[in-house]
């Protein structure tokens, strides 16, 4: 189970959501669940690196410099946008904006 989260350091909603994603990852650390944070191509690499270093994000962070990841998920334009994938990589749920974390956690736990 993977949550792919498209975000940007310039997105206030993303910055509000990120600590909640960290908490969710920590709650589910013993489960077969991972978060993948995909920084948008327009984001500044130095800002991304600074944020990751300052917060110690407990998940994989990548910078979609070529928009290939964004395009693979339907040409993401709005952040935050997240996709919950099952163990076969199929999209189970799409979230535009910050999802309700309790509902997201319950969904993940029901699918693990």
PDB file of N, CA and C in Angstrom:
ATOM      1  N   UNK A   1       0.846  -1.157   0.000  1.00  0.00           N
ATOM      2  CA  UNK A   1       0.000   0.000   0.000  1.00  0.00           C
ATOM      3  C   UNK A   1       0.902   1.234   0.000  1.00  0.00           C
ATOM      4  N   UNK A   2       0.637   2.139  -0.942  1.00  0.00           N
ATOM      5  CA  UNK A   2       1.459   3.345  -1.084  1.00  0.00           C
ATOM      6  C   UNK A   2       0.547   4.555  -1.266  1.00  0.00           C
ATOM      7  N   UNK A   3       0.898   5.633  -0.585  1.00  0.00           N
ATOM      8  CA  UNK A   3       0.247   6.912  -0.825  1.00  0.00           C
ATOM      9  C   UNK A   3       1.239   7.771  -1.585  1.00  0.00           C
ATOM     10  N   UNK A   4       0.896   8.136  -2.817  1.00  0.00           N
ATOM     11  CA  UNK A   4       1.723   9.026  -3.631  1.00  0.00           C
ATOM     12  C   UNK A   4       1.149  10.426  -3.463  1.00  0.00           C
ATOM     13  N   UNK A   5       1.955  11.309  -2.893  1.00  0.00           N
ATOM     14  CA  UNK A   5       1.501  12.659  -2.566  1.00  0.00           C
ATOM     15  C   UNK A   5       2.252  13.676  -3.413  1.00  0.00           C
ATOM     16  N   UNK A   6       1.528  14.421  -4.240  1.00  0.00           N
ATOM     17  CA  UNK A   6       2.107  15.508  -5.041  1.00  0.00           C
ATOM     18  C   UNK A   6       1.990  16.783  -4.217  1.00  0.00           C
ATOM     19  N   UNK A   7       3.120  17.491  -4.076  1.00  0.00           N
ATOM     20  CA  UNK A   7       3.185  18.643  -3.191  1.00  0.00           C
ATOM     21  C   UNK A   7       4.201  19.647  -3.698  1.00  0.00           C
ATOM     22  N   UNK A   8       4.237  20.801  -3.046  1.00  0.00           N
ATOM     23  CA  UNK A   8       5.233  21.839  -3.345  1.00  0.00           C
ATOM     24  C   UNK A   8       5.493  22.634  -2.072  1.00  0.00           C
ATOM     25  N   UNK A   9       6.710  23.105  -1.928  1.00  0.00           N
ATOM     26  CA  UNK A   9       7.054  23.894  -0.743  1.00  0.00           C
ATOM     27  C   UNK A   9       6.344  25.244  -0.741  1.00  0.00           C
ATOM     28  N   UNK A  10       5.872  25.702  -1.899  1.00  0.00           N
ATOM     29  CA  UNK A  10       5.169  26.976  -2.010  1.00  0.00           C
ATOM     30  C   UNK A  10       3.664  26.833  -1.790  1.00  0.00           C
ATOM     31  N   UNK A  11       3.209  25.625  -1.557  1.00  0.00           N
ATOM     32  CA  UNK A  11       1.778  25.324  -1.387  1.00  0.00           C
ATOM     33  C   UNK A  11       1.452  25.307   0.104  1.00  0.00           C
ATOM     34  N   UNK A  12       0.660  26.285   0.566  1.00  0.00           N
ATOM     35  CA  UNK A  12       0.345  26.360   1.991  1.00  0.00           C
ATOM     36  C   UNK A  12      -0.457  25.143   2.456  1.00  0.00           C
ATOM     37  N   UNK A  13      -1.346  24.650   1.615  1.00  0.00           N
ATOM     38  CA  UNK A  13      -2.108  23.448   1.963  1.00  0.00           C
ATOM     39  C   UNK A  13      -1.198  22.236   2.113  1.00  0.00           C
ATOM     40  N   UNK A  14      -0.191  22.160   1.259  1.00  0.00           N
ATOM     41  CA  UNK A  14       0.778  21.057   1.332  1.00  0.00           C
ATOM     42  C   UNK A  14       1.576  21.119   2.618  1.00  0.00           C
ATOM     43  N   UNK A  15       1.983  22.329   2.987  1.00  0.00           N
ATOM     44  CA  UNK A  15       2.781  22.492   4.193  1.00  0.00           C
ATOM     45  C   UNK A  15       1.949  22.180   5.438  1.00  0.00           C
ATOM     46  N   UNK A  16       0.656  22.456   5.397  1.00  0.00           N
ATOM     47  CA  UNK A  16      -0.226  22.106   6.508  1.00  0.00           C
ATOM     48  C   UNK A  16      -0.462  20.594   6.558  1.00  0.00           C
ATOM     49  N   UNK A  17      -0.515  19.968   5.400  1.00  0.00           N
ATOM     50  CA  UNK A  17      -0.783  18.533   5.307  1.00  0.00           C
ATOM     51  C   UNK A  17       0.431  17.675   5.675  1.00  0.00           C
ATOM     52  N   UNK A  18       1.621  18.133   5.370  1.00  0.00           N
ATOM     53  CA  UNK A  18       2.822  17.307   5.506  1.00  0.00           C
ATOM     54  C   UNK A  18       3.018  16.735   6.911  1.00  0.00           C
ATOM     55  N   UNK A  19       2.894  17.516   7.992  1.00  0.00           N
ATOM     56  CA  UNK A  19       3.055  16.918   9.333  1.00  0.00           C
ATOM     57  C   UNK A  19       2.033  15.809   9.605  1.00  0.00           C
ATOM     58  N   UNK A  20       0.865  15.926   9.027  1.00  0.00           N
ATOM     59  CA  UNK A  20      -0.170  14.899   9.198  1.00  0.00           C
ATOM     60  C   UNK A  20       0.213  13.620   8.447  1.00  0.00           C
ATOM     61  N   UNK A  21       0.829  13.788   7.277  1.00  0.00           N
ATOM     62  CA  UNK A  21       1.315  12.617   6.540  1.00  0.00           C
ATOM     63  C   UNK A  21       2.456  11.946   7.299  1.00  0.00           C
ATOM     64  N   UNK A  22       3.301  12.747   7.937  1.00  0.00           N
ATOM     65  CA  UNK A  22       4.381  12.209   8.763  1.00  0.00           C
ATOM     66  C   UNK A  22       3.785  11.384   9.905  1.00  0.00           C
ATOM     67  N   UNK A  23       2.793  11.935  10.589  1.00  0.00           N
ATOM     68  CA  UNK A  23       2.161  11.232  11.704  1.00  0.00           C
ATOM     69  C   UNK A  23       1.509   9.933  11.237  1.00  0.00           C
ATOM     70  N   UNK A  24       0.869   9.970  10.079  1.00  0.00           N
ATOM     71  CA  UNK A  24       0.241   8.768   9.531  1.00  0.00           C
ATOM     72  C   UNK A  24       1.293   7.711   9.218  1.00  0.00           C
ATOM     73  N   UNK A  25       2.385   8.123   8.593  1.00  0.00           N
ATOM     74  CA  UNK A  25       3.464   7.186   8.282  1.00  0.00           C
ATOM     75  C   UNK A  25       4.010   6.563   9.562  1.00  0.00           C
ATOM     76  N   UNK A  26       4.179   7.364  10.594  1.00  0.00           N
ATOM     77  CA  UNK A  26       4.703   6.851  11.861  1.00  0.00           C
ATOM     78  C   UNK A  26       3.730   5.885  12.528  1.00  0.00           C
ATOM     79  N   UNK A  27       2.428   6.193  12.465  1.00  0.00           N
ATOM     80  CA  UNK A  27       1.419   5.289  13.024  1.00  0.00           C
ATOM     81  C   UNK A  27       1.424   3.933  12.329  1.00  0.00           C
ATOM     82  N   UNK A  28       1.683   3.954  11.028  1.00  0.00           N
ATOM     83  CA  UNK A  28       1.592   2.737  10.217  1.00  0.00           C
ATOM     84  C   UNK A  28       2.949   2.123   9.905  1.00  0.00           C
ATOM     85  N   UNK A  29       3.993   2.537  10.634  1.00  0.00           N
ATOM     86  CA  UNK A  29       5.346   2.099  10.296  1.00  0.00           C
ATOM     87  C   UNK A  29       5.531   0.586  10.361  1.00  0.00           C
ATOM     88  N   UNK A  30       4.751  -0.113  11.166  1.00  0.00           N
ATOM     89  CA  UNK A  30       4.887  -1.573  11.244  1.00  0.00           C
ATOM     90  C   UNK A  30       4.011  -2.289  10.214  1.00  0.00           C
ATOM     91  N   UNK A  31       3.280  -1.535   9.435  1.00  0.00           N
ATOM     92  CA  UNK A  31       2.380  -2.096   8.424  1.00  0.00           C
ATOM     93  C   UNK A  31       3.024  -2.028   7.037  1.00  0.00           C
ATOM     94  N   UNK A  32       2.497  -2.794   6.086  1.00  0.00           N
ATOM     95  CA  UNK A  32       3.015  -2.698   4.716  1.00  0.00           C
ATOM     96  C   UNK A  32       2.452  -1.462   4.012  1.00  0.00           C
ATOM     97  N   UNK A  33       2.899  -0.312   4.478  1.00  0.00           N
ATOM     98  CA  UNK A  33       2.426   0.983   3.974  1.00  0.00           C
ATOM     99  C   UNK A  33       3.609   1.932   3.852  1.00  0.00           C
ATOM    100  N   UNK A  34       3.642   2.688   2.753  1.00  0.00           N
ATOM    101  CA  UNK A  34       4.689   3.688   2.535  1.00  0.00           C
ATOM    102  C   UNK A  34       4.065   4.944   1.945  1.00  0.00           C
ATOM    103  N   UNK A  35       4.716   6.065   2.201  1.00  0.00           N
ATOM    104  CA  UNK A  35       4.353   7.342   1.590  1.00  0.00           C
ATOM    105  C   UNK A  35       5.465   7.730   0.627  1.00  0.00           C
ATOM    106  N   UNK A  36       5.096   8.198  -0.537  1.00  0.00           N
ATOM    107  CA  UNK A  36       6.036   8.729  -1.517  1.00  0.00           C
ATOM    108  C   UNK A  36       5.617  10.166  -1.795  1.00  0.00           C
ATOM    109  N   UNK A  37       6.467  11.120  -1.426  1.00  0.00           N
ATOM    110  CA  UNK A  37       6.185  12.534  -1.631  1.00  0.00           C
ATOM    111  C   UNK A  37       6.868  12.978  -2.926  1.00  0.00           C
ATOM    112  N   UNK A  38       6.071  13.464  -3.868  1.00  0.00           N
ATOM    113  CA  UNK A  38       6.572  13.885  -5.174  1.00  0.00           C
ATOM    114  C   UNK A  38       6.466  15.408  -5.268  1.00  0.00           C
ATOM    115  N   UNK A  39       7.614  16.072  -5.179  1.00  0.00           N
ATOM    116  CA  UNK A  39       7.637  17.532  -5.308  1.00  0.00           C
ATOM    117  C   UNK A  39       7.448  17.900  -6.779  1.00  0.00           C
ATOM    118  N   UNK A  40       6.636  18.894  -7.013  1.00  0.00           N
ATOM    119  CA  UNK A  40       6.304  19.309  -8.375  1.00  0.00           C
ATOM    120  C   UNK A  40       7.523  19.906  -9.086  1.00  0.00           C
ATOM    121  N   UNK A  41       7.502  19.845 -10.406  1.00  0.00           N
ATOM    122  CA  UNK A  41       8.641  20.291 -11.218  1.00  0.00           C
ATOM    123  C   UNK A  41       8.976  21.759 -10.993  1.00  0.00           C
ATOM    124  N   UNK A  42       7.979  22.589 -10.741  1.00  0.00           N
ATOM    125  CA  UNK A  42       8.204  24.022 -10.581  1.00  0.00           C
ATOM    126  C   UNK A  42       8.799  24.378  -9.216  1.00  0.00           C
ATOM    127  N   UNK A  43       8.849  23.402  -8.315  1.00  0.00           N
ATOM    128  CA  UNK A  43       9.406  23.671  -6.985  1.00  0.00           C
ATOM    129  C   UNK A  43      10.923  23.792  -7.072  1.00  0.00           C
ATOM    130  N   UNK A  44      11.481  24.539  -6.170  1.00  0.00           N
ATOM    131  CA  UNK A  44      12.923  24.789  -6.137  1.00  0.00           C
ATOM    132  C   UNK A  44      13.628  23.678  -5.353  1.00  0.00           C
ATOM    133  N   UNK A  45      14.623  23.057  -5.982  1.00  0.00           N
ATOM    134  CA  UNK A  45      15.315  21.924  -5.366  1.00  0.00           C
ATOM    135  C   UNK A  45      15.936  22.287  -4.016  1.00  0.00           C
ATOM    136  N   UNK A  46      16.516  23.462  -3.909  1.00  0.00           N
ATOM    137  CA  UNK A  46      17.130  23.876  -2.639  1.00  0.00           C
ATOM    138  C   UNK A  46      16.072  23.993  -1.541  1.00  0.00           C
ATOM    139  N   UNK A  47      14.899  24.505  -1.879  1.00  0.00           N
ATOM    140  CA  UNK A  47      13.812  24.616  -0.891  1.00  0.00           C
ATOM    141  C   UNK A  47      13.328  23.242  -0.460  1.00  0.00           C
ATOM    142  N   UNK A  48      13.224  22.335  -1.422  1.00  0.00           N
ATOM    143  CA  UNK A  48      12.808  20.957  -1.112  1.00  0.00           C
ATOM    144  C   UNK A  48      13.813  20.321  -0.158  1.00  0.00           C
ATOM    145  N   UNK A  49      15.089  20.394  -0.526  1.00  0.00           N
ATOM    146  CA  UNK A  49      16.144  19.790   0.292  1.00  0.00           C
ATOM    147  C   UNK A  49      16.175  20.390   1.695  1.00  0.00           C
ATOM    148  N   UNK A  50      16.008  21.705   1.782  1.00  0.00           N
ATOM    149  CA  UNK A  50      16.009  22.372   3.081  1.00  0.00           C
ATOM    150  C   UNK A  50      14.831  21.886   3.933  1.00  0.00           C
ATOM    151  N   UNK A  51      13.654  21.797   3.332  1.00  0.00           N
ATOM    152  CA  UNK A  51      12.471  21.352   4.069  1.00  0.00           C
ATOM    153  C   UNK A  51      12.638  19.910   4.549  1.00  0.00           C
ATOM    154  N   UNK A  52      13.119  19.046   3.675  1.00  0.00           N
ATOM    155  CA  UNK A  52      13.319  17.641   4.043  1.00  0.00           C
ATOM    156  C   UNK A  52      14.341  17.522   5.170  1.00  0.00           C
ATOM    157  N   UNK A  53      15.437  18.263   5.068  1.00  0.00           N
ATOM    158  CA  UNK A  53      16.471  18.211   6.106  1.00  0.00           C
ATOM    159  C   UNK A  53      15.953  18.764   7.434  1.00  0.00           C
ATOM    160  N   UNK A  54      15.196  19.841   7.368  1.00  0.00           N
ATOM    161  CA  UNK A  54      14.690  20.488   8.584  1.00  0.00           C
ATOM    162  C   UNK A  54      13.640  19.644   9.298  1.00  0.00           C
ATOM    163  N   UNK A  55      12.809  18.946   8.524  1.00  0.00           N
ATOM    164  CA  UNK A  55      11.704  18.196   9.122  1.00  0.00           C
ATOM    165  C   UNK A  55      12.005  16.720   9.304  1.00  0.00           C
ATOM    166  N   UNK A  56      13.034  16.205   8.620  1.00  0.00           N
ATOM    167  CA  UNK A  56      13.359  14.784   8.742  1.00  0.00           C
ATOM    168  C   UNK A  56      12.236  13.885   8.264  1.00  0.00           C
ATOM    169  N   UNK A  57      11.669  14.194   7.125  1.00  0.00           N
ATOM    170  CA  UNK A  57      10.545  13.407   6.605  1.00  0.00           C
ATOM    171  C   UNK A  57      10.892  11.915   6.614  1.00  0.00           C
ATOM    172  N   UNK A  58       9.986  11.082   7.158  1.00  0.00           N
ATOM    173  CA  UNK A  58      10.266   9.650   7.290  1.00  0.00           C
ATOM    174  C   UNK A  58       9.839   8.826   6.076  1.00  0.00           C
ATOM    175  N   UNK A  59       9.832   9.454   4.923  1.00  0.00           N
ATOM    176  CA  UNK A  59       9.452   8.724   3.715  1.00  0.00           C
ATOM    177  C   UNK A  59      10.258   9.214   2.522  1.00  0.00           C
ATOM    178  N   UNK A  60      10.084   8.537   1.419  1.00  0.00           N
ATOM    179  CA  UNK A  60      10.825   8.864   0.201  1.00  0.00           C
ATOM    180  C   UNK A  60      10.290  10.170  -0.376  1.00  0.00           C
ATOM    181  N   UNK A  61      11.213  11.051  -0.751  1.00  0.00           N
ATOM    182  CA  UNK A  61      10.862  12.316  -1.390  1.00  0.00           C
ATOM    183  C   UNK A  61      11.612  12.369  -2.716  1.00  0.00           C
ATOM    184  N   UNK A  62      10.883  12.691  -3.771  1.00  0.00           N
ATOM    185  CA  UNK A  62      11.512  12.846  -5.077  1.00  0.00           C
ATOM    186  C   UNK A  62      11.046  14.161  -5.695  1.00  0.00           C
ATOM    187  N   UNK A  63      11.827  14.652  -6.644  1.00  0.00           N
ATOM    188  CA  UNK A  63      11.517  15.905  -7.334  1.00  0.00           C
ATOM    189  C   UNK A  63      11.201  15.549  -8.783  1.00  0.00           C
ATOM    190  N   UNK A  64       9.979  15.792  -9.197  1.00  0.00           N
ATOM    191  CA  UNK A  64       9.507  15.440 -10.542  1.00  0.00           C
ATOM    192  C   UNK A  64       9.949  16.500 -11.550  1.00  0.00           C
ATOM    193  N   UNK A  65      11.250  16.595 -11.790  1.00  0.00           N
ATOM    194  CA  UNK A  65      11.818  17.662 -12.612  1.00  0.00           C
ATOM    195  C   UNK A  65      11.351  17.634 -14.063  1.00  0.00           C
ATOM    196  N   UNK A  66      10.942  16.477 -14.559  1.00  0.00           N
ATOM    197  CA  UNK A  66      10.533  16.358 -15.967  1.00  0.00           C
ATOM    198  C   UNK A  66       9.021  16.233 -16.142  1.00  0.00           C
ATOM    199  N   UNK A  67       8.280  16.271 -15.059  1.00  0.00           N
ATOM    200  CA  UNK A  67       6.817  16.092 -15.056  1.00  0.00           C
ATOM    201  C   UNK A  67       6.379  14.685 -15.454  1.00  0.00           C
ATOM    202  N   UNK A  68       7.285  13.741 -15.556  1.00  0.00           N
ATOM    203  CA  UNK A  68       6.910  12.377 -15.957  1.00  0.00           C
ATOM    204  C   UNK A  68       6.006  11.705 -14.929  1.00  0.00           C
ATOM    205  N   UNK A  69       6.287  11.906 -13.658  1.00  0.00           N
ATOM    206  CA  UNK A  69       5.455  11.269 -12.630  1.00  0.00           C
ATOM    207  C   UNK A  69       4.081  11.919 -12.628  1.00  0.00           C
ATOM    208  N   UNK A  70       4.049  13.236 -12.660  1.00  0.00           N
ATOM    209  CA  UNK A  70       2.781  13.961 -12.694  1.00  0.00           C
ATOM    210  C   UNK A  70       1.930  13.537 -13.895  1.00  0.00           C
ATOM    211  N   UNK A  71       2.549  13.434 -15.044  1.00  0.00           N
ATOM    212  CA  UNK A  71       1.826  13.031 -16.256  1.00  0.00           C
ATOM    213  C   UNK A  71       1.317  11.604 -16.152  1.00  0.00           C
ATOM    214  N   UNK A  72       2.083  10.727 -15.521  1.00  0.00           N
ATOM    215  CA  UNK A  72       1.666   9.331 -15.366  1.00  0.00           C
ATOM    216  C   UNK A  72       0.411   9.207 -14.498  1.00  0.00           C
ATOM    217  N   UNK A  73       0.191  10.203 -13.642  1.00  0.00           N
ATOM    218  CA  UNK A  73      -0.989  10.202 -12.769  1.00  0.00           C
ATOM    219  C   UNK A  73      -2.085  11.136 -13.286  1.00  0.00           C
ATOM    220  N   UNK A  74      -2.032  11.493 -14.555  1.00  0.00           N
ATOM    221  CA  UNK A  74      -3.100  12.295 -15.150  1.00  0.00           C
ATOM    222  C   UNK A  74      -2.802  13.771 -15.225  1.00  0.00           C
ATOM    223  N   UNK A  75      -1.534  14.132 -15.319  1.00  0.00           N
ATOM    224  CA  UNK A  75      -1.105  15.523 -15.446  1.00  0.00           C
ATOM    225  C   UNK A  75      -1.602  16.369 -14.274  1.00  0.00           C
ATOM    226  N   UNK A  76      -1.070  16.089 -13.112  1.00  0.00           N
ATOM    227  CA  UNK A  76      -1.458  16.767 -11.870  1.00  0.00           C
ATOM    228  C   UNK A  76      -1.176  18.261 -11.985  1.00  0.00           C
ATOM    229  N   UNK A  77      -2.162  19.061 -11.647  1.00  0.00           N
ATOM    230  CA  UNK A  77      -2.031  20.516 -11.662  1.00  0.00           C
ATOM    231  C   UNK A  77      -2.202  21.125 -10.280  1.00  0.00           C
ATOM    232  N   UNK A  78      -3.057  20.541  -9.463  1.00  0.00           N
ATOM    233  CA  UNK A  78      -3.359  21.094  -8.145  1.00  0.00           C
ATOM    234  C   UNK A  78      -2.630  20.320  -7.052  1.00  0.00           C
ATOM    235  N   UNK A  79      -2.094  21.056  -6.088  1.00  0.00           N
ATOM    236  CA  UNK A  79      -1.463  20.414  -4.946  1.00  0.00           C
ATOM    237  C   UNK A  79      -2.130  20.904  -3.672  1.00  0.00           C
ATOM    238  N   UNK A  80      -2.219  20.061  -2.661  1.00  0.00           N
ATOM    239  CA  UNK A  80      -1.797  18.678  -2.682  1.00  0.00           C
ATOM    240  C   UNK A  80      -2.817  17.787  -3.400  1.00  0.00           C
ATOM    241  N   UNK A  81      -2.307  16.811  -4.096  1.00  0.00           N
ATOM    242  CA  UNK A  81      -3.111  15.741  -4.678  1.00  0.00           C
ATOM    243  C   UNK A  81      -2.417  14.434  -4.325  1.00  0.00           C
ATOM    244  N   UNK A  82      -3.197  13.476  -3.852  1.00  0.00           N
ATOM    245  CA  UNK A  82      -2.636  12.197  -3.444  1.00  0.00           C
ATOM    246  C   UNK A  82      -3.410  11.047  -4.067  1.00  0.00           C
ATOM    247  N   UNK A  83      -2.702   9.935  -4.224  1.00  0.00           N
ATOM    248  CA  UNK A  83      -3.290   8.712  -4.749  1.00  0.00           C
ATOM    249  C   UNK A  83      -2.938   7.564  -3.817  1.00  0.00           C
ATOM    250  N   UNK A  84      -3.934   6.810  -3.412  1.00  0.00           N
ATOM    251  CA  UNK A  84      -3.708   5.610  -2.626  1.00  0.00           C
ATOM    252  C   UNK A  84      -3.665   4.437  -3.590  1.00  0.00           C
ATOM    253  N   UNK A  85      -2.544   3.704  -3.570  1.00  0.00           N
ATOM    254  CA  UNK A  85      -2.344   2.571  -4.472  1.00  0.00           C
ATOM    255  C   UNK A  85      -2.349   1.271  -3.683  1.00  0.00           C
ATOM    256  N   UNK A  86      -2.901   0.226  -4.283  1.00  0.00           N
ATOM    257  CA  UNK A  86      -2.852  -1.081  -3.635  1.00  0.00           C
ATOM    258  C   UNK A  86      -1.517  -1.751  -3.919  1.00  0.00           C
ATOM    259  N   UNK A  87      -1.323  -2.964  -3.415  1.00  0.00           N
ATOM    260  CA  UNK A  87      -0.019  -3.619  -3.551  1.00  0.00           C
ATOM    261  C   UNK A  87       0.317  -3.979  -4.990  1.00  0.00           C
ATOM    262  N   UNK A  88      -0.664  -3.958  -5.883  1.00  0.00           N
ATOM    263  CA  UNK A  88      -0.406  -4.181  -7.307  1.00  0.00           C
ATOM    264  C   UNK A  88      -0.183  -2.883  -8.066  1.00  0.00           C
ATOM    265  N   UNK A  89      -0.252  -1.762  -7.360  1.00  0.00           N
ATOM    266  CA  UNK A  89      -0.026  -0.464  -7.983  1.00  0.00           C
ATOM    267  C   UNK A  89      -1.263   0.152  -8.614  1.00  0.00           C
ATOM    268  N   UNK A  90      -2.418  -0.431  -8.355  1.00  0.00           N
ATOM    269  CA  UNK A  90      -3.670   0.120  -8.882  1.00  0.00           C
ATOM    270  C   UNK A  90      -4.149   1.264  -7.991  1.00  0.00           C
ATOM    271  N   UNK A  91      -4.692   2.291  -8.616  1.00  0.00           N
ATOM    272  CA  UNK A  91      -5.229   3.431  -7.863  1.00  0.00           C
ATOM    273  C   UNK A  91      -6.539   3.021  -7.208  1.00  0.00           C
ATOM    274  N   UNK A  92      -6.578   3.163  -5.885  1.00  0.00           N
ATOM    275  CA  UNK A  92      -7.777   2.852  -5.110  1.00  0.00           C
ATOM    276  C   UNK A  92      -8.587   4.126  -4.888  1.00  0.00           C
ATOM    277  N   UNK A  93      -7.878   5.229  -4.596  1.00  0.00           N
ATOM    278  CA  UNK A  93      -8.555   6.482  -4.274  1.00  0.00           C
ATOM    279  C   UNK A  93      -7.680   7.657  -4.683  1.00  0.00           C
ATOM    280  N   UNK A  94      -8.326   8.712  -5.174  1.00  0.00           N
ATOM    281  CA  UNK A  94      -7.645   9.965  -5.493  1.00  0.00           C
ATOM    282  C   UNK A  94      -8.159  11.024  -4.536  1.00  0.00           C
ATOM    283  N   UNK A  95      -7.242  11.820  -3.986  1.00  0.00           N
ATOM    284  CA  UNK A  95      -7.594  12.895  -3.073  1.00  0.00           C
ATOM    285  C   UNK A  95      -7.051  14.203  -3.633  1.00  0.00           C
ATOM    286  N   UNK A  96      -7.921  15.154  -3.900  1.00  0.00           N
ATOM    287  CA  UNK A  96      -7.501  16.492  -4.305  1.00  0.00           C
ATOM    288  C   UNK A  96      -7.718  17.378  -3.087  1.00  0.00           C
ATOM    289  N   UNK A  97      -6.637  17.991  -2.634  1.00  0.00           N
ATOM    290  CA  UNK A  97      -6.680  18.694  -1.358  1.00  0.00           C
ATOM    291  C   UNK A  97      -6.316  17.715  -0.260  1.00  0.00           C
ATOM    292  N   UNK A  98      -6.317  18.215   0.943  1.00  0.00           N
ATOM    293  CA  UNK A  98      -5.943  17.376   2.086  1.00  0.00           C
ATOM    294  C   UNK A  98      -7.068  16.411   2.434  1.00  0.00           C
ATOM    295  N   UNK A  99      -6.786  15.120   2.473  1.00  0.00           N
ATOM    296  CA  UNK A  99      -7.827  14.170   2.861  1.00  0.00           C
ATOM    297  C   UNK A  99      -8.070  14.217   4.369  1.00  0.00           C
ATOM    298  N   UNK A 100      -9.208  13.740   4.774  1.00  0.00           N
ATOM    299  CA  UNK A 100      -9.462  13.550   6.191  1.00  0.00           C
ATOM    300  C   UNK A 100      -8.561  12.399   6.648  1.00  0.00           C
ATOM    301  N   UNK A 101      -7.628  12.683   7.537  1.00  0.00           N
ATOM    302  CA  UNK A 101      -6.602  11.700   7.899  1.00  0.00           C
ATOM    303  C   UNK A 101      -7.178  10.493   8.627  1.00  0.00           C
ATOM    304  N   UNK A 102      -8.194  10.681   9.447  1.00  0.00           N
ATOM    305  CA  UNK A 102      -8.793   9.541  10.148  1.00  0.00           C
ATOM    306  C   UNK A 102      -9.456   8.592   9.141  1.00  0.00           C
ATOM    307  N   UNK A 103     -10.134   9.166   8.151  1.00  0.00           N
ATOM    308  CA  UNK A 103     -10.778   8.358   7.122  1.00  0.00           C
ATOM    309  C   UNK A 103      -9.734   7.656   6.261  1.00  0.00           C
ATOM    310  N   UNK A 104      -8.664   8.379   5.918  1.00  0.00           N
ATOM    311  CA  UNK A 104      -7.583   7.787   5.129  1.00  0.00           C
ATOM    312  C   UNK A 104      -6.935   6.637   5.899  1.00  0.00           C
ATOM    313  N   UNK A 105      -6.637   6.849   7.171  1.00  0.00           N
ATOM    314  CA  UNK A 105      -6.028   5.790   7.981  1.00  0.00           C
ATOM    315  C   UNK A 105      -6.942   4.568   8.052  1.00  0.00           C
ATOM    316  N   UNK A 106      -8.226   4.789   8.265  1.00  0.00           N
ATOM    317  CA  UNK A 106      -9.177   3.670   8.333  1.00  0.00           C
ATOM    318  C   UNK A 106      -9.222   2.909   7.015  1.00  0.00           C
ATOM    319  N   UNK A 107      -9.178   3.637   5.905  1.00  0.00           N
ATOM    320  CA  UNK A 107      -9.193   2.990   4.579  1.00  0.00           C
ATOM    321  C   UNK A 107      -7.945   2.145   4.408  1.00  0.00           C
ATOM    322  N   UNK A 108      -6.788   2.693   4.750  1.00  0.00           N
ATOM    323  CA  UNK A 108      -5.520   1.958   4.615  1.00  0.00           C
ATOM    324  C   UNK A 108      -5.571   0.703   5.477  1.00  0.00           C
ATOM    325  N   UNK A 109      -5.975   0.850   6.725  1.00  0.00           N
ATOM    326  CA  UNK A 109      -6.013  -0.309   7.633  1.00  0.00           C
ATOM    327  C   UNK A 109      -6.977  -1.375   7.127  1.00  0.00           C
ATOM    328  N   UNK A 110      -8.080  -0.972   6.530  1.00  0.00           N
ATOM    329  CA  UNK A 110      -9.048  -1.949   6.016  1.00  0.00           C
ATOM    330  C   UNK A 110      -8.513  -2.719   4.810  1.00  0.00           C
ATOM    331  N   UNK A 111      -7.537  -2.130   4.119  1.00  0.00           N
ATOM    332  CA  UNK A 111      -6.998  -2.760   2.900  1.00  0.00           C
ATOM    333  C   UNK A 111      -5.708  -3.531   3.133  1.00  0.00           C
ATOM    334  N   UNK A 112      -5.098  -3.347   4.299  1.00  0.00           N
ATOM    335  CA  UNK A 112      -3.821  -4.031   4.589  1.00  0.00           C
ATOM    336  C   UNK A 112      -4.104  -5.482   4.943  1.00  0.00           C
TER     337      UNK A 112
END
